[in-house]
Protein backbone atom coordinates (compact mmCIF):
# COMPACT_ATOMS: atom_id res chain seq x y z
CA MET A 1 37.91 -13.17 43.09
CA SER A 2 38.72 -16.46 41.71
CA LYS A 3 39.35 -17.23 38.11
CA ILE A 4 35.96 -18.93 37.71
CA GLU A 5 34.10 -15.92 39.09
CA LEU A 6 35.89 -13.67 36.61
CA ILE A 7 34.96 -15.98 33.77
CA VAL A 8 31.34 -16.15 34.93
CA ASN A 9 31.13 -12.35 35.28
CA SER A 10 32.65 -11.89 31.87
CA LEU A 11 30.22 -14.39 30.41
CA GLU A 12 27.25 -12.65 32.09
CA GLU A 13 28.34 -9.31 30.68
CA LYS A 14 28.64 -10.80 27.20
CA VAL A 15 25.20 -12.45 27.47
CA GLN A 16 23.65 -9.18 28.63
CA LYS A 17 25.33 -7.39 25.74
CA VAL A 18 23.99 -9.96 23.26
CA LEU A 19 20.49 -9.72 24.78
CA TYR A 20 20.61 -5.91 24.52
CA GLU A 21 21.71 -6.15 20.88
CA LEU A 22 18.92 -8.67 20.24
CA ALA A 23 16.34 -6.26 21.67
CA GLU A 24 17.76 -3.45 19.52
CA LEU A 25 17.60 -5.63 16.42
CA LYS A 26 13.99 -6.57 17.19
CA ASN A 27 13.10 -2.89 17.50
CA ASP A 28 14.90 -2.13 14.25
CA ASN A 29 13.12 -5.02 12.56
CA THR A 30 9.73 -3.77 13.73
CA THR A 31 10.52 -0.28 12.48
CA LEU A 32 11.70 -1.57 9.12
CA LYS A 33 8.60 -3.73 8.72
CA GLN A 34 6.40 -0.69 9.32
CA GLU A 35 8.43 1.38 6.87
CA LEU A 36 8.07 -1.40 4.29
CA LEU A 37 4.30 -1.47 4.77
CA ASP A 38 4.16 2.31 4.38
CA ALA A 39 6.33 2.17 1.27
CA ASN A 40 4.15 -0.56 -0.25
CA ALA A 41 1.02 1.48 0.42
CA THR A 42 2.60 4.55 -1.15
CA ASN A 43 3.76 2.47 -4.10
CA SER A 44 0.23 1.13 -4.64
CA LYS A 45 -1.23 4.63 -4.55
CA LEU A 46 1.36 5.92 -7.00
CA LEU A 47 0.79 2.96 -9.33
CA HIS A 48 -2.95 3.62 -9.29
CA THR A 49 -2.35 7.31 -9.99
CA LEU A 50 -0.01 6.41 -12.85
CA GLN A 51 -2.64 4.14 -14.39
CA GLU A 52 -5.22 6.93 -14.14
CA LYS A 53 -2.83 9.40 -15.76
CA GLU A 54 -2.04 6.95 -18.58
CA SER A 55 -5.76 6.51 -19.18
CA ASP A 56 -6.28 10.28 -19.19
CA TYR A 57 -3.36 10.66 -21.61
CA ASP A 58 -4.82 8.08 -23.99
CA THR A 59 -8.20 9.83 -23.83
CA LEU A 60 -6.65 13.22 -24.55
CA LYS A 61 -4.60 11.77 -27.38
CA PHE A 62 -7.75 10.32 -28.92
CA ALA A 63 -9.67 13.57 -28.41
CA ASN A 64 -6.87 15.55 -30.05
CA SER A 65 -6.90 13.23 -33.04
CA ILE A 66 -10.66 13.68 -33.41
CA LEU A 67 -10.44 17.45 -33.01
CA GLY A 68 -7.84 17.62 -35.72
CA SER A 69 -4.60 18.37 -33.99
CA GLN A 70 -1.77 19.34 -36.31
CA GLU A 71 0.04 16.02 -35.89
CA SER A 72 -2.79 13.83 -37.00
CA LYS A 73 -4.87 16.02 -39.30
CA ARG A 74 -4.72 13.56 -42.20
CA GLU A 75 -5.53 10.65 -39.92
CA THR A 76 -8.50 12.53 -38.49
CA LYS A 77 -9.87 13.33 -41.95
CA LEU A 78 -9.66 9.65 -42.88
CA LYS A 79 -11.53 8.67 -39.70
CA ILE A 80 -14.23 11.25 -40.37
CA ASN A 81 -14.59 10.13 -44.01
CA THR A 82 -14.89 6.52 -42.87
CA LEU A 83 -17.56 7.46 -40.34
CA ILE A 84 -19.47 9.44 -43.00
CA LYS A 85 -19.38 6.47 -45.38
CA GLU A 86 -20.66 4.16 -42.65
CA ILE A 87 -23.48 6.58 -41.83
CA ASP A 88 -24.39 6.86 -45.53
CA ASP A 89 -24.47 3.06 -45.79
CA CYS A 90 -26.75 2.86 -42.76
CA ILE A 91 -29.09 5.51 -44.18
CA SER A 92 -29.27 3.76 -47.52
CA LYS A 93 -30.07 0.43 -45.85
CA LEU A 94 -32.76 2.06 -43.74
CA SER A 95 -34.37 3.69 -46.76
CA ASP A 96 -34.59 0.35 -48.67
């Protein structure tokens, strides 16, 4: 074989190697894109669940304060007294 043939063969091998690596990288890229889409979907679901749980927590916190939990007993009494005063005011206005 001549020197040129060796160079051409070597170049062909290198091009085939680069093309193979390109195909592998495309496959990897496709896989990673799908994984990213899956991760984004999971993230959205978890964010929605977190928002629901925060809402439930706020509701329970409010319900506990109305029921007179130990932490906010004084606060609850003040709220109830305020509501009673407002109701009394409404009754007195209605009776006038």
